[in-house]
Protein backbone atom coordinates (compact mmCIF):
# COMPACT_ATOMS: atom_id res chain seq x y z
CA UNK A 1 115.18 97.61 100.34
CA UNK A 2 113.48 95.42 102.92
CA UNK A 3 111.23 92.76 101.85
CA UNK A 4 108.78 91.44 103.74
CA UNK A 5 106.94 87.96 101.88
CA UNK A 6 104.15 87.22 103.97
CA UNK A 7 102.35 84.24 102.86
CA UNK A 8 105.61 82.79 101.88
CA UNK A 9 104.62 79.63 101.25
CA UNK A 10 107.48 77.36 99.34
CA UNK A 11 109.51 80.54 98.66
CA UNK A 12 109.25 80.88 95.28
CA UNK A 13 109.01 84.90 95.61
CA UNK A 14 111.43 84.78 98.72
CA UNK A 15 114.21 83.95 96.60
CA UNK A 16 113.05 86.17 93.92
CA UNK A 17 113.13 89.10 95.70
CA UNK A 18 116.19 88.04 97.84
CA UNK A 19 117.98 88.51 94.50
CA UNK A 20 116.18 91.76 93.60
CA UNK A 21 117.06 93.47 97.10
CA UNK A 22 120.72 92.70 96.78
CA UNK A 23 123.17 91.79 99.17
CA UNK A 24 122.46 94.98 101.25
CA UNK A 25 118.63 94.29 101.03
CA UNK A 26 116.67 92.00 103.61
CA UNK A 27 114.10 89.95 103.20
CA UNK A 28 111.52 87.87 105.80
CA UNK A 29 109.58 85.49 104.96
CA UNK A 30 106.61 84.89 106.47
CA UNK A 31 105.15 80.49 107.33
CA UNK A 32 103.77 78.90 109.14
CA UNK A 33 103.02 75.98 108.05
CA UNK A 34 105.61 72.78 108.38
CA UNK A 35 105.88 71.53 105.15
CA UNK A 36 105.71 74.40 103.69
CA UNK A 37 108.85 76.34 106.10
CA UNK A 38 111.26 73.58 105.20
CA UNK A 39 110.55 73.20 101.04
CA UNK A 40 111.19 77.28 101.99
CA UNK A 41 114.10 76.44 104.43
CA UNK A 42 115.59 74.37 101.48
CA UNK A 43 115.40 76.85 98.57
CA UNK A 44 116.40 79.45 100.83
CA UNK A 45 119.39 77.57 101.24
CA UNK A 46 119.97 76.05 97.81
CA UNK A 47 119.64 79.62 96.08
CA UNK A 48 122.54 81.02 98.71
CA UNK A 49 120.23 83.71 100.23
CA UNK A 50 121.70 84.97 103.10
CA UNK A 51 119.79 87.77 103.23
CA UNK A 52 116.64 86.10 104.19
CA UNK A 53 115.38 85.61 107.37
CA UNK A 54 112.20 83.12 107.58
CA UNK A 55 109.91 83.52 110.61
CA UNK A 56 107.63 81.01 112.03
CA UNK A 57 104.48 82.45 111.81
CA UNK A 58 101.82 83.51 110.11
CA UNK A 59 100.50 87.13 109.95
CA UNK A 60 97.43 88.97 111.05
CA UNK A 61 95.37 91.25 113.81
CA UNK A 62 96.10 89.50 116.28
CA UNK A 63 99.48 88.57 118.55
CA UNK A 64 99.30 85.35 120.27
CA UNK A 65 97.94 81.39 119.28
CA UNK A 66 96.29 81.24 115.87
CA UNK A 67 94.93 77.48 114.24
CA UNK A 68 95.70 77.38 110.94
CA UNK A 69 93.32 74.85 108.27
CA UNK A 70 95.99 72.38 106.83
CA UNK A 71 93.53 69.83 105.48
CA UNK A 72 93.53 71.80 102.43
CA UNK A 73 96.62 71.78 99.63
CA UNK A 74 99.82 72.98 100.76
CA UNK A 75 99.44 76.60 98.65
CA UNK A 76 95.62 76.88 100.32
CA UNK A 77 96.38 76.46 104.37
CA UNK A 78 94.15 78.96 106.21
CA UNK A 79 93.85 80.87 109.71
CA UNK A 80 90.21 79.35 110.75
CA UNK A 81 88.96 78.87 114.40
CA UNK A 82 88.02 75.17 112.87
CA UNK A 83 92.24 74.60 112.06
CA UNK A 84 93.51 71.37 113.16
CA UNK A 85 97.30 73.12 114.00
CA UNK A 86 98.21 75.84 116.43
CA UNK A 87 100.33 78.38 115.08
CA UNK A 88 102.24 81.77 116.15
CA UNK A 89 100.80 84.84 114.77
CA UNK A 90 102.71 88.06 114.71
CA UNK A 91 100.82 91.67 114.07
CA UNK A 92 103.33 93.60 111.71
CA UNK A 93 103.05 96.86 113.79
CA UNK A 94 103.76 95.16 117.22
CA UNK A 95 107.16 93.89 115.01
CA UNK A 96 107.95 96.94 113.87
CA UNK A 97 107.11 99.75 116.82
CA UNK A 98 109.58 96.97 119.23
CA UNK A 99 112.58 96.90 117.05
CA UNK A 100 112.49 92.79 116.26
CA UNK A 101 111.97 94.18 112.05
CA UNK A 102 113.01 97.03 110.16
CA UNK A 103 109.98 98.81 108.32
CA UNK A 104 109.77 97.58 105.50
CA UNK A 105 109.92 99.03 101.17
CA UNK A 106 107.93 96.02 99.70
CA UNK A 107 105.16 93.76 101.26
CA UNK A 108 103.87 90.71 99.50
CA UNK A 109 100.59 89.35 101.18
CA UNK A 110 98.84 86.21 99.95
CA UNK A 111 97.30 84.45 102.67
CA UNK A 112 94.11 82.71 101.84
CA UNK A 113 91.45 84.93 102.85
CA UNK A 114 93.27 86.28 106.27
CA UNK A 115 94.28 89.57 104.09
CA UNK A 116 91.73 91.96 105.51
CA UNK A 117 93.64 90.80 109.60
CA UNK A 118 97.19 91.36 107.92
CA UNK A 119 96.09 94.99 106.72
CA UNK A 120 94.91 95.38 110.21
CA UNK A 121 97.97 94.74 111.71
CA UNK A 122 99.62 96.87 109.88
CA UNK A 123 97.49 100.27 109.76
CA UNK A 124 100.39 101.66 111.79
CA UNK A 125 102.63 100.70 109.37
CA UNK A 126 100.70 101.46 106.48
CA UNK A 127 99.89 104.99 107.75
CA UNK A 128 103.60 106.15 108.97
CA UNK A 129 105.91 104.22 106.35
CA UNK A 130 103.98 103.87 103.00
CA UNK A 131 105.24 100.45 101.39
CA UNK A 132 104.17 99.53 98.42
CA UNK A 133 102.22 96.09 98.07
CA UNK A 134 101.57 93.71 95.75
CA UNK A 135 98.25 91.70 97.81
CA UNK A 136 96.20 88.54 96.10
CA UNK A 137 92.68 88.41 97.49
CA UNK A 138 90.81 85.67 96.91
CA UNK A 139 87.19 86.49 97.10
CA UNK A 140 84.96 89.10 95.47
CA UNK A 141 83.96 90.87 98.70
CA UNK A 142 87.44 90.48 100.09
CA UNK A 143 88.83 92.37 96.92
CA UNK A 144 86.48 95.51 97.47
CA UNK A 145 87.07 95.66 101.47
CA UNK A 146 90.50 95.31 100.92
CA UNK A 147 90.41 98.37 98.39
CA UNK A 148 88.41 100.26 100.62
CA UNK A 149 90.54 100.31 103.03
CA UNK A 150 94.18 101.02 101.24
CA UNK A 151 92.10 103.75 99.91
CA UNK A 152 91.30 105.71 102.82
CA UNK A 153 95.02 105.46 103.40
CA UNK A 154 96.21 106.68 100.45
CA UNK A 155 97.00 104.06 98.12
CA UNK A 156 95.87 103.87 94.18
CA UNK A 157 95.40 100.38 93.08
CA UNK A 158 95.91 98.41 89.69
CA UNK A 159 93.84 95.07 89.28
CA UNK A 160 97.38 93.08 87.63
CA UNK A 161 93.88 91.70 85.99
CA UNK A 162 94.51 87.22 85.87
CA UNK A 163 92.87 85.34 83.73
CA UNK A 164 91.97 83.27 86.18
CA UNK A 165 92.32 82.41 90.15
CA UNK A 166 92.56 85.09 92.56
CA UNK A 167 92.26 88.38 92.18
CA UNK A 168 96.20 90.46 92.41
CA UNK A 169 96.32 93.99 92.83
CA UNK A 170 98.90 96.80 93.01
CA UNK A 171 98.93 98.83 95.98
CA UNK A 172 101.07 101.93 96.04
CA UNK A 173 101.24 104.93 97.92
CA UNK A 174 98.61 107.83 95.93
CA UNK A 175 101.89 109.89 96.21
CA UNK A 176 104.42 107.73 94.51
CA UNK A 177 102.25 106.79 91.51
CA UNK A 178 101.38 110.45 90.71
């Protein structure tokens, strides 16, 4: 399998997914924040994850430069016009269409409020390739918007029902969950 870890943070899920996809699988870990990337690289190296590629960028609805707010905890940085650090932003559809990345079988998205922008930049991917997903949302309004968006693309959604914190859902193409 090919997996995208969008908002890889320090690599907890990247390392787990590396093991799950095995030596023939691939994990692409997107992380724009310097301190997180250093830990991510260390965790990938220490765990001998040869099938993980770290991509120094955030993911959104446009390609180019973006501002990242990092004056918050290391797990809560987010894209903001008032952000204090300039980072690269990439669009998943463009990466696949250009041949830079293979299509994913699974995507994990946890980007501190930027989930809709990630989804908007992956419309062709969602429609054509139908990857399974796990998505963390960071407000009730954002959760509802992401649910409506994914349902338009024929995804069945299952709330993981965390006892506290962010909402997380599993999104599967309806044809796979039948």
